Amino acid sequence: MLALRPNCELCDVDLPPAAPDARICTYECTFCADCVENTLHNVCPNCGGGFAPRPIRPARAWRDGAGLVHDPPDTRRRSLRYSMHQVRELVEKLRDVPPDER
């Protein structure tokens, strides 16, 4: 199940569980839509993959054992381990390569 990380790893903006602008890569790296579109250009700075909108976990338990009440979001904030110079290098290298060809 997705960890539902609480923040953008680049700008540190809060991304609560119902945030429509949360984006994730296949490793669940989490960024806001603004950073993905305007800084990262759909290139995950951690793995080089692309992004998709993060699904929204229902707040209510519509089924037993489901929903935020049973599976709360992660609380550990994360930040990039790469410098902005390293991020820009990878983004420039991959931004024109479609994610399915990386």
PDB file of N, CA and C in Angstrom:
ATOM      1  N   MET A   1       0.841  -1.158   0.000  1.00  0.00           N
ATOM      2  CA  MET A   1       0.000   0.000   0.000  1.00  0.00           C
ATOM      3  C   MET A   1       0.898   1.236   0.000  1.00  0.00           C
ATOM      4  N   LEU A   2       0.437   2.281  -0.634  1.00  0.00           N
ATOM      5  CA  LEU A   2       1.204   3.525  -0.715  1.00  0.00           C
ATOM      6  C   LEU A   2       1.430   4.135   0.666  1.00  0.00           C
ATOM      7  N   ALA A   3       2.614   4.714   0.833  1.00  0.00           N
ATOM      8  CA  ALA A   3       2.944   5.331   2.117  1.00  0.00           C
ATOM      9  C   ALA A   3       2.236   6.669   2.317  1.00  0.00           C
ATOM     10  N   LEU A   4       1.771   7.317   1.262  1.00  0.00           N
ATOM     11  CA  LEU A   4       1.164   8.644   1.348  1.00  0.00           C
ATOM     12  C   LEU A   4       2.073   9.597   2.118  1.00  0.00           C
ATOM     13  N   ARG A   5       3.235   9.853   1.544  1.00  0.00           N
ATOM     14  CA  ARG A   5       4.222  10.732   2.170  1.00  0.00           C
ATOM     15  C   ARG A   5       3.646  12.138   2.317  1.00  0.00           C
ATOM     16  N   PRO A   6       4.035  12.834   3.393  1.00  0.00           N
ATOM     17  CA  PRO A   6       3.361  14.084   3.761  1.00  0.00           C
ATOM     18  C   PRO A   6       3.827  15.356   3.072  1.00  0.00           C
ATOM     19  N   ASN A   7       4.887  15.266   2.237  1.00  0.00           N
ATOM     20  CA  ASN A   7       5.429  16.511   1.693  1.00  0.00           C
ATOM     21  C   ASN A   7       6.101  16.296   0.347  1.00  0.00           C
ATOM     22  N   CYS A   8       6.289  17.405  -0.357  1.00  0.00           N
ATOM     23  CA  CYS A   8       7.067  17.399  -1.596  1.00  0.00           C
ATOM     24  C   CYS A   8       8.532  17.288  -1.207  1.00  0.00           C
ATOM     25  N   GLU A   9       9.241  16.367  -1.810  1.00  0.00           N
ATOM     26  CA  GLU A   9      10.645  16.151  -1.477  1.00  0.00           C
ATOM     27  C   GLU A   9      11.548  17.276  -1.980  1.00  0.00           C
ATOM     28  N   LEU A  10      11.029  18.143  -2.835  1.00  0.00           N
ATOM     29  CA  LEU A  10      11.835  19.244  -3.350  1.00  0.00           C
ATOM     30  C   LEU A  10      11.550  20.558  -2.625  1.00  0.00           C
ATOM     31  N   CYS A  11      10.311  21.005  -2.630  1.00  0.00           N
ATOM     32  CA  CYS A  11       9.987  22.315  -2.024  1.00  0.00           C
ATOM     33  C   CYS A  11       9.421  22.211  -0.616  1.00  0.00           C
ATOM     34  N   ASP A  12       9.161  21.000  -0.140  1.00  0.00           N
ATOM     35  CA  ASP A  12       8.668  20.720   1.210  1.00  0.00           C
ATOM     36  C   ASP A  12       7.247  21.211   1.472  1.00  0.00           C
ATOM     37  N   VAL A  13       6.471  21.509   0.437  1.00  0.00           N
ATOM     38  CA  VAL A  13       5.075  21.884   0.636  1.00  0.00           C
ATOM     39  C   VAL A  13       4.320  20.672   1.202  1.00  0.00           C
ATOM     40  N   ASP A  14       3.361  20.922   2.061  1.00  0.00           N
ATOM     41  CA  ASP A  14       2.542  19.846   2.616  1.00  0.00           C
ATOM     42  C   ASP A  14       1.695  19.211   1.522  1.00  0.00           C
ATOM     43  N   LEU A  15       1.614  17.887   1.547  1.00  0.00           N
ATOM     44  CA  LEU A  15       0.759  17.137   0.620  1.00  0.00           C
ATOM     45  C   LEU A  15      -0.086  16.168   1.441  1.00  0.00           C
ATOM     46  N   PRO A  16      -1.196  16.654   1.992  1.00  0.00           N
ATOM     47  CA  PRO A  16      -2.060  15.791   2.796  1.00  0.00           C
ATOM     48  C   PRO A  16      -2.638  14.657   1.942  1.00  0.00           C
ATOM     49  N   PRO A  17      -3.219  13.650   2.578  1.00  0.00           N
ATOM     50  CA  PRO A  17      -3.713  12.485   1.849  1.00  0.00           C
ATOM     51  C   PRO A  17      -4.654  12.797   0.681  1.00  0.00           C
ATOM     52  N   ALA A  18      -5.450  13.851   0.776  1.00  0.00           N
ATOM     53  CA  ALA A  18      -6.393  14.176  -0.296  1.00  0.00           C
ATOM     54  C   ALA A  18      -5.852  15.230  -1.260  1.00  0.00           C
ATOM     55  N   ALA A  19      -4.559  15.498  -1.228  1.00  0.00           N
ATOM     56  CA  ALA A  19      -3.983  16.526  -2.108  1.00  0.00           C
ATOM     57  C   ALA A  19      -4.097  16.105  -3.572  1.00  0.00           C
ATOM     58  N   PRO A  20      -4.823  16.874  -4.377  1.00  0.00           N
ATOM     59  CA  PRO A  20      -4.968  16.516  -5.791  1.00  0.00           C
ATOM     60  C   PRO A  20      -3.704  16.797  -6.599  1.00  0.00           C
ATOM     61  N   ASP A  21      -2.767  17.548  -6.035  1.00  0.00           N
ATOM     62  CA  ASP A  21      -1.552  17.906  -6.770  1.00  0.00           C
ATOM     63  C   ASP A  21      -0.339  17.074  -6.356  1.00  0.00           C
ATOM     64  N   ALA A  22      -0.532  15.989  -5.621  1.00  0.00           N
ATOM     65  CA  ALA A  22       0.578  15.102  -5.256  1.00  0.00           C
ATOM     66  C   ALA A  22       0.905  14.188  -6.444  1.00  0.00           C
ATOM     67  N   ARG A  23       2.193  14.035  -6.706  1.00  0.00           N
ATOM     68  CA  ARG A  23       2.663  13.163  -7.789  1.00  0.00           C
ATOM     69  C   ARG A  23       3.654  12.163  -7.215  1.00  0.00           C
ATOM     70  N   ILE A  24       3.631  10.927  -7.726  1.00  0.00           N
ATOM     71  CA  ILE A  24       4.548   9.899  -7.261  1.00  0.00           C
ATOM     72  C   ILE A  24       5.191   9.198  -8.457  1.00  0.00           C
ATOM     73  N   CYS A  25       6.376   8.635  -8.205  1.00  0.00           N
ATOM     74  CA  CYS A  25       7.014   7.779  -9.206  1.00  0.00           C
ATOM     75  C   CYS A  25       6.775   6.334  -8.784  1.00  0.00           C
ATOM     76  N   THR A  26       7.354   5.406  -9.489  1.00  0.00           N
ATOM     77  CA  THR A  26       7.144   3.998  -9.180  1.00  0.00           C
ATOM     78  C   THR A  26       7.726   3.586  -7.833  1.00  0.00           C
ATOM     79  N   TYR A  27       8.665   4.378  -7.304  1.00  0.00           N
ATOM     80  CA  TYR A  27       9.230   4.103  -5.979  1.00  0.00           C
ATOM     81  C   TYR A  27       8.539   4.896  -4.874  1.00  0.00           C
ATOM     82  N   GLU A  28       7.454   5.555  -5.199  1.00  0.00           N
ATOM     83  CA  GLU A  28       6.672   6.373  -4.276  1.00  0.00           C
ATOM     84  C   GLU A  28       7.366   7.668  -3.884  1.00  0.00           C
ATOM     85  N   CYS A  29       8.411   8.066  -4.622  1.00  0.00           N
ATOM     86  CA  CYS A  29       8.986   9.386  -4.397  1.00  0.00           C
ATOM     87  C   CYS A  29       7.839  10.362  -4.619  1.00  0.00           C
ATOM     88  N   THR A  30       7.723  11.350  -3.769  1.00  0.00           N
ATOM     89  CA  THR A  30       6.551  12.219  -3.767  1.00  0.00           C
ATOM     90  C   THR A  30       6.941  13.678  -3.955  1.00  0.00           C
ATOM     91  N   PHE A  31       6.283  14.313  -4.920  1.00  0.00           N
ATOM     92  CA  PHE A  31       6.537  15.711  -5.239  1.00  0.00           C
ATOM     93  C   PHE A  31       5.216  16.390  -5.555  1.00  0.00           C
ATOM     94  N   CYS A  32       5.190  17.706  -5.472  1.00  0.00           N
ATOM     95  CA  CYS A  32       3.986  18.446  -5.850  1.00  0.00           C
ATOM     96  C   CYS A  32       3.967  18.616  -7.373  1.00  0.00           C
ATOM     97  N   ALA A  33       2.784  18.846  -7.913  1.00  0.00           N
ATOM     98  CA  ALA A  33       2.629  18.989  -9.363  1.00  0.00           C
ATOM     99  C   ALA A  33       3.453  20.150  -9.895  1.00  0.00           C
ATOM    100  N   ASP A  34       3.543  21.241  -9.142  1.00  0.00           N
ATOM    101  CA  ASP A  34       4.314  22.396  -9.600  1.00  0.00           C
ATOM    102  C   ASP A  34       5.787  22.029  -9.790  1.00  0.00           C
ATOM    103  N   CYS A  35       6.386  21.340  -8.833  1.00  0.00           N
ATOM    104  CA  CYS A  35       7.793  20.932  -8.975  1.00  0.00           C
ATOM    105  C   CYS A  35       7.970  19.927 -10.117  1.00  0.00           C
ATOM    106  N   VAL A  36       7.032  18.975 -10.236  1.00  0.00           N
ATOM    107  CA  VAL A  36       7.127  17.968 -11.301  1.00  0.00           C
ATOM    108  C   VAL A  36       7.069  18.630 -12.672  1.00  0.00           C
ATOM    109  N   GLU A  37       6.161  19.585 -12.838  1.00  0.00           N
ATOM    110  CA  GLU A  37       5.978  20.212 -14.146  1.00  0.00           C
ATOM    111  C   GLU A  37       7.034  21.269 -14.455  1.00  0.00           C
ATOM    112  N   ASN A  38       7.381  22.108 -13.484  1.00  0.00           N
ATOM    113  CA  ASN A  38       8.206  23.280 -13.772  1.00  0.00           C
ATOM    114  C   ASN A  38       9.686  23.154 -13.428  1.00  0.00           C
ATOM    115  N   THR A  39      10.031  22.229 -12.556  1.00  0.00           N
ATOM    116  CA  THR A  39      11.434  22.059 -12.184  1.00  0.00           C
ATOM    117  C   THR A  39      11.976  20.712 -12.643  1.00  0.00           C
ATOM    118  N   LEU A  40      11.199  19.658 -12.412  1.00  0.00           N
ATOM    119  CA  LEU A  40      11.674  18.307 -12.716  1.00  0.00           C
ATOM    120  C   LEU A  40      11.312  17.833 -14.121  1.00  0.00           C
ATOM    121  N   HIS A  41      10.363  18.492 -14.761  1.00  0.00           N
ATOM    122  CA  HIS A  41       9.942  18.152 -16.127  1.00  0.00           C
ATOM    123  C   HIS A  41       9.659  16.654 -16.287  1.00  0.00           C
ATOM    124  N   ASN A  42       8.923  16.124 -15.310  1.00  0.00           N
ATOM    125  CA  ASN A  42       8.483  14.729 -15.291  1.00  0.00           C
ATOM    126  C   ASN A  42       9.641  13.736 -15.188  1.00  0.00           C
ATOM    127  N   VAL A  43      10.745  14.151 -14.578  1.00  0.00           N
ATOM    128  CA  VAL A  43      11.887  13.262 -14.346  1.00  0.00           C
ATOM    129  C   VAL A  43      12.089  13.132 -12.841  1.00  0.00           C
ATOM    130  N   CYS A  44      11.923  11.938 -12.298  1.00  0.00           N
ATOM    131  CA  CYS A  44      12.171  11.751 -10.878  1.00  0.00           C
ATOM    132  C   CYS A  44      13.671  11.906 -10.624  1.00  0.00           C
ATOM    133  N   PRO A  45      14.058  12.814  -9.732  1.00  0.00           N
ATOM    134  CA  PRO A  45      15.474  13.032  -9.481  1.00  0.00           C
ATOM    135  C   PRO A  45      16.137  11.892  -8.709  1.00  0.00           C
ATOM    136  N   ASN A  46      15.330  10.975  -8.191  1.00  0.00           N
ATOM    137  CA  ASN A  46      15.873   9.842  -7.446  1.00  0.00           C
ATOM    138  C   ASN A  46      16.098   8.615  -8.322  1.00  0.00           C
ATOM    139  N   CYS A  47      15.176   8.355  -9.255  1.00  0.00           N
ATOM    140  CA  CYS A  47      15.289   7.125 -10.058  1.00  0.00           C
ATOM    141  C   CYS A  47      15.294   7.366 -11.565  1.00  0.00           C
ATOM    142  N   GLY A  48      14.943   8.575 -12.005  1.00  0.00           N
ATOM    143  CA  GLY A  48      14.908   8.860 -13.428  1.00  0.00           C
ATOM    144  C   GLY A  48      13.592   8.512 -14.101  1.00  0.00           C
ATOM    145  N   GLY A  49      12.654   7.971 -13.357  1.00  0.00           N
ATOM    146  CA  GLY A  49      11.355   7.612 -13.924  1.00  0.00           C
ATOM    147  C   GLY A  49      10.431   8.809 -14.053  1.00  0.00           C
ATOM    148  N   GLY A  50       9.218   8.545 -14.519  1.00  0.00           N
ATOM    149  CA  GLY A  50       8.211   9.586 -14.654  1.00  0.00           C
ATOM    150  C   GLY A  50       7.276   9.581 -13.454  1.00  0.00           C
ATOM    151  N   PHE A  51       6.287  10.460 -13.510  1.00  0.00           N
ATOM    152  CA  PHE A  51       5.349  10.620 -12.403  1.00  0.00           C
ATOM    153  C   PHE A  51       3.913  10.371 -12.838  1.00  0.00           C
ATOM    154  N   ALA A  52       3.082  10.053 -11.856  1.00  0.00           N
ATOM    155  CA  ALA A  52       1.637   9.907 -12.041  1.00  0.00           C
ATOM    156  C   ALA A  52       0.960  10.569 -10.845  1.00  0.00           C
ATOM    157  N   PRO A  53      -0.286  11.003 -11.010  1.00  0.00           N
ATOM    158  CA  PRO A  53      -1.002  11.542  -9.846  1.00  0.00           C
ATOM    159  C   PRO A  53      -1.084  10.487  -8.741  1.00  0.00           C
ATOM    160  N   ARG A  54      -0.880  10.913  -7.508  1.00  0.00           N
ATOM    161  CA  ARG A  54      -0.989   9.974  -6.387  1.00  0.00           C
ATOM    162  C   ARG A  54      -2.468   9.713  -6.121  1.00  0.00           C
ATOM    163  N   PRO A  55      -2.848   8.448  -6.012  1.00  0.00           N
ATOM    164  CA  PRO A  55      -4.255   8.152  -5.691  1.00  0.00           C
ATOM    165  C   PRO A  55      -4.638   8.713  -4.331  1.00  0.00           C
ATOM    166  N   ILE A  56      -5.899   9.012  -4.178  1.00  0.00           N
ATOM    167  CA  ILE A  56      -6.399   9.533  -2.909  1.00  0.00           C
ATOM    168  C   ILE A  56      -7.050   8.390  -2.141  1.00  0.00           C
ATOM    169  N   ARG A  57      -6.527   8.139  -0.953  1.00  0.00           N
ATOM    170  CA  ARG A  57      -7.082   7.082  -0.101  1.00  0.00           C
ATOM    171  C   ARG A  57      -8.350   7.610   0.554  1.00  0.00           C
ATOM    172  N   PRO A  58      -9.434   6.863   0.497  1.00  0.00           N
ATOM    173  CA  PRO A  58     -10.678   7.323   1.111  1.00  0.00           C
ATOM    174  C   PRO A  58     -10.496   7.590   2.604  1.00  0.00           C
ATOM    175  N   ALA A  59     -11.050   8.698   3.053  1.00  0.00           N
ATOM    176  CA  ALA A  59     -10.992   9.032   4.476  1.00  0.00           C
ATOM    177  C   ALA A  59     -11.878   8.088   5.283  1.00  0.00           C
ATOM    178  N   ARG A  60     -12.972   7.710   4.682  1.00  0.00           N
ATOM    179  CA  ARG A  60     -13.940   6.843   5.346  1.00  0.00           C
ATOM    180  C   ARG A  60     -13.629   5.376   5.043  1.00  0.00           C
ATOM    181  N   ALA A  61     -13.883   4.516   5.988  1.00  0.00           N
ATOM    182  CA  ALA A  61     -13.704   3.075   5.779  1.00  0.00           C
ATOM    183  C   ALA A  61     -14.962   2.511   5.115  1.00  0.00           C
ATOM    184  N   TRP A  62     -14.993   2.538   3.811  1.00  0.00           N
ATOM    185  CA  TRP A  62     -16.146   2.007   3.067  1.00  0.00           C
ATOM    186  C   TRP A  62     -16.201   0.487   3.159  1.00  0.00           C
ATOM    187  N   ARG A  63     -15.065  -0.123   3.416  1.00  0.00           N
ATOM    188  CA  ARG A  63     -14.965  -1.567   3.652  1.00  0.00           C
ATOM    189  C   ARG A  63     -14.192  -1.764   4.950  1.00  0.00           C
ATOM    190  N   ASP A  64     -14.496  -2.838   5.668  1.00  0.00           N
ATOM    191  CA  ASP A  64     -13.793  -3.115   6.921  1.00  0.00           C
ATOM    192  C   ASP A  64     -12.291  -3.154   6.691  1.00  0.00           C
ATOM    193  N   GLY A  65     -11.558  -2.436   7.529  1.00  0.00           N
ATOM    194  CA  GLY A  65     -10.108  -2.454   7.478  1.00  0.00           C
ATOM    195  C   GLY A  65      -9.495  -1.557   6.429  1.00  0.00           C
ATOM    196  N   ALA A  66     -10.296  -0.725   5.778  1.00  0.00           N
ATOM    197  CA  ALA A  66      -9.771   0.146   4.723  1.00  0.00           C
ATOM    198  C   ALA A  66      -9.911   1.610   5.135  1.00  0.00           C
ATOM    199  N   GLY A  67      -9.362   2.494   4.327  1.00  0.00           N
ATOM    200  CA  GLY A  67      -9.485   3.930   4.556  1.00  0.00           C
ATOM    201  C   GLY A  67      -8.401   4.471   5.470  1.00  0.00           C
ATOM    202  N   LEU A  68      -8.348   5.795   5.547  1.00  0.00           N
ATOM    203  CA  LEU A  68      -7.327   6.468   6.352  1.00  0.00           C
ATOM    204  C   LEU A  68      -7.399   6.110   7.827  1.00  0.00           C
ATOM    205  N   VAL A  69      -8.599   5.809   8.307  1.00  0.00           N
ATOM    206  CA  VAL A  69      -8.752   5.472   9.720  1.00  0.00           C
ATOM    207  C   VAL A  69      -7.961   4.208  10.062  1.00  0.00           C
ATOM    208  N   HIS A  70      -7.842   3.274   9.127  1.00  0.00           N
ATOM    209  CA  HIS A  70      -7.107   2.025   9.356  1.00  0.00           C
ATOM    210  C   HIS A  70      -5.672   2.086   8.828  1.00  0.00           C
ATOM    211  N   ASP A  71      -5.458   2.851   7.782  1.00  0.00           N
ATOM    212  CA  ASP A  71      -4.137   2.974   7.161  1.00  0.00           C
ATOM    213  C   ASP A  71      -3.788   4.452   7.023  1.00  0.00           C
ATOM    214  N   PRO A  72      -3.347   5.069   8.123  1.00  0.00           N
ATOM    215  CA  PRO A  72      -3.054   6.499   8.094  1.00  0.00           C
ATOM    216  C   PRO A  72      -1.848   6.823   7.223  1.00  0.00           C
ATOM    217  N   PRO A  73      -1.727   8.085   6.819  1.00  0.00           N
ATOM    218  CA  PRO A  73      -0.589   8.485   5.991  1.00  0.00           C
ATOM    219  C   PRO A  73       0.713   8.441   6.784  1.00  0.00           C
ATOM    220  N   ASP A  74       1.801   8.362   6.058  1.00  0.00           N
ATOM    221  CA  ASP A  74       3.131   8.408   6.657  1.00  0.00           C
ATOM    222  C   ASP A  74       3.335   9.787   7.276  1.00  0.00           C
ATOM    223  N   THR A  75       4.131   9.885   8.312  1.00  0.00           N
ATOM    224  CA  THR A  75       4.385  11.174   8.950  1.00  0.00           C
ATOM    225  C   THR A  75       5.825  11.641   8.766  1.00  0.00           C
ATOM    226  N   ARG A  76       6.715  10.754   8.304  1.00  0.00           N
ATOM    227  CA  ARG A  76       8.128  11.123   8.144  1.00  0.00           C
ATOM    228  C   ARG A  76       8.312  11.957   6.890  1.00  0.00           C
ATOM    229  N   ARG A  77       8.775  13.180   7.071  1.00  0.00           N
ATOM    230  CA  ARG A  77       9.031  14.073   5.937  1.00  0.00           C
ATOM    231  C   ARG A  77      10.329  13.654   5.274  1.00  0.00           C
ATOM    232  N   ARG A  78      10.373  13.795   3.950  1.00  0.00           N
ATOM    233  CA  ARG A  78      11.557  13.414   3.194  1.00  0.00           C
ATOM    234  C   ARG A  78      12.062  14.597   2.389  1.00  0.00           C
ATOM    235  N   SER A  79      13.334  14.557   2.091  1.00  0.00           N
ATOM    236  CA  SER A  79      13.926  15.577   1.227  1.00  0.00           C
ATOM    237  C   SER A  79      14.947  14.895   0.318  1.00  0.00           C
ATOM    238  N   LEU A  80      15.251  15.569  -0.756  1.00  0.00           N
ATOM    239  CA  LEU A  80      16.196  15.012  -1.717  1.00  0.00           C
ATOM    240  C   LEU A  80      17.569  14.809  -1.093  1.00  0.00           C
ATOM    241  N   ARG A  81      18.242  13.774  -1.539  1.00  0.00           N
ATOM    242  CA  ARG A  81      19.616  13.549  -1.087  1.00  0.00           C
ATOM    243  C   ARG A  81      20.611  14.017  -2.133  1.00  0.00           C
ATOM    244  N   TYR A  82      20.094  14.608  -3.214  1.00  0.00           N
ATOM    245  CA  TYR A  82      20.934  15.106  -4.294  1.00  0.00           C
ATOM    246  C   TYR A  82      20.922  16.633  -4.291  1.00  0.00           C
ATOM    247  N   SER A  83      22.015  17.217  -4.732  1.00  0.00           N
ATOM    248  CA  SER A  83      22.084  18.673  -4.834  1.00  0.00           C
ATOM    249  C   SER A  83      21.247  19.139  -6.022  1.00  0.00           C
ATOM    250  N   MET A  84      20.880  20.402  -6.023  1.00  0.00           N
ATOM    251  CA  MET A  84      20.120  20.933  -7.158  1.00  0.00           C
ATOM    252  C   MET A  84      20.939  20.837  -8.442  1.00  0.00           C
ATOM    253  N   HIS A  85      22.235  20.930  -8.363  1.00  0.00           N
ATOM    254  CA  HIS A  85      23.087  20.760  -9.544  1.00  0.00           C
ATOM    255  C   HIS A  85      22.929  19.338 -10.090  1.00  0.00           C
ATOM    256  N   GLN A  86      22.969  18.340  -9.219  1.00  0.00           N
ATOM    257  CA  GLN A  86      22.793  16.956  -9.651  1.00  0.00           C
ATOM    258  C   GLN A  86      21.387  16.724 -10.218  1.00  0.00           C
ATOM    259  N   VAL A  87      20.387  17.340  -9.601  1.00  0.00           N
ATOM    260  CA  VAL A  87      19.007  17.217 -10.091  1.00  0.00           C
ATOM    261  C   VAL A  87      18.907  17.811 -11.492  1.00  0.00           C
ATOM    262  N   ARG A  88      19.433  19.024 -11.682  1.00  0.00           N
ATOM    263  CA  ARG A  88      19.369  19.670 -13.005  1.00  0.00           C
ATOM    264  C   ARG A  88      20.076  18.841 -14.077  1.00  0.00           C
ATOM    265  N   GLU A  89      21.222  18.255 -13.737  1.00  0.00           N
ATOM    266  CA  GLU A  89      21.954  17.421 -14.700  1.00  0.00           C
ATOM    267  C   GLU A  89      21.101  16.247 -15.166  1.00  0.00           C
ATOM    268  N   LEU A  90      20.484  15.543 -14.236  1.00  0.00           N
ATOM    269  CA  LEU A  90      19.659  14.390 -14.596  1.00  0.00           C
ATOM    270  C   LEU A  90      18.426  14.821 -15.386  1.00  0.00           C
ATOM    271  N   VAL A  91      17.791  15.901 -14.953  1.00  0.00           N
ATOM    272  CA  VAL A  91      16.604  16.399 -15.653  1.00  0.00           C
ATOM    273  C   VAL A  91      16.949  16.775 -17.091  1.00  0.00           C
ATOM    274  N   GLU A  92      18.036  17.474 -17.291  1.00  0.00           N
ATOM    275  CA  GLU A  92      18.434  17.870 -18.652  1.00  0.00           C
ATOM    276  C   GLU A  92      18.742  16.660 -19.519  1.00  0.00           C
ATOM    277  N   LYS A  93      19.308  15.646 -18.925  1.00  0.00           N
ATOM    278  CA  LYS A  93      19.658  14.426 -19.664  1.00  0.00           C
ATOM    279  C   LYS A  93      18.409  13.651 -20.098  1.00  0.00           C
ATOM    280  N   LEU A  94      17.366  13.653 -19.254  1.00  0.00           N
ATOM    281  CA  LEU A  94      16.210  12.776 -19.482  1.00  0.00           C
ATOM    282  C   LEU A  94      14.905  13.464 -19.853  1.00  0.00           C
ATOM    283  N   ARG A  95      14.815  14.771 -19.766  1.00  0.00           N
ATOM    284  CA  ARG A  95      13.521  15.449 -19.922  1.00  0.00           C
ATOM    285  C   ARG A  95      12.873  15.243 -21.281  1.00  0.00           C
ATOM    286  N   ASP A  96      13.648  14.999 -22.322  1.00  0.00           N
ATOM    287  CA  ASP A  96      13.056  14.779 -23.652  1.00  0.00           C
ATOM    288  C   ASP A  96      12.920  13.298 -24.012  1.00  0.00           C
ATOM    289  N   VAL A  97      13.257  12.428 -23.070  1.00  0.00           N
ATOM    290  CA  VAL A  97      13.115  10.984 -23.271  1.00  0.00           C
ATOM    291  C   VAL A  97      11.809  10.551 -22.595  1.00  0.00           C
ATOM    292  N   PRO A  98      10.862   9.998 -23.330  1.00  0.00           N
ATOM    293  CA  PRO A  98       9.615   9.566 -22.703  1.00  0.00           C
ATOM    294  C   PRO A  98       9.880   8.549 -21.580  1.00  0.00           C
ATOM    295  N   PRO A  99       9.096   8.601 -20.494  1.00  0.00           N
ATOM    296  CA  PRO A  99       9.331   7.685 -19.378  1.00  0.00           C
ATOM    297  C   PRO A  99       9.404   6.210 -19.776  1.00  0.00           C
ATOM    298  N   ASP A 100       8.620   5.805 -20.763  1.00  0.00           N
ATOM    299  CA  ASP A 100       8.655   4.388 -21.149  1.00  0.00           C
ATOM    300  C   ASP A 100       9.908   4.015 -21.940  1.00  0.00           C
ATOM    301  N   GLU A 101      10.752   4.976 -22.238  1.00  0.00           N
ATOM    302  CA  GLU A 101      12.011   4.710 -22.946  1.00  0.00           C
ATOM    303  C   GLU A 101      13.233   4.980 -22.081  1.00  0.00           C
ATOM    304  N   ARG A 102      13.043   5.288 -20.827  1.00  0.00           N
ATOM    305  CA  ARG A 102      14.185   5.596 -19.948  1.00  0.00           C
ATOM    306  C   ARG A 102      14.778   4.345 -19.358  1.00  0.00           C
TER     307      ARG A 102
END
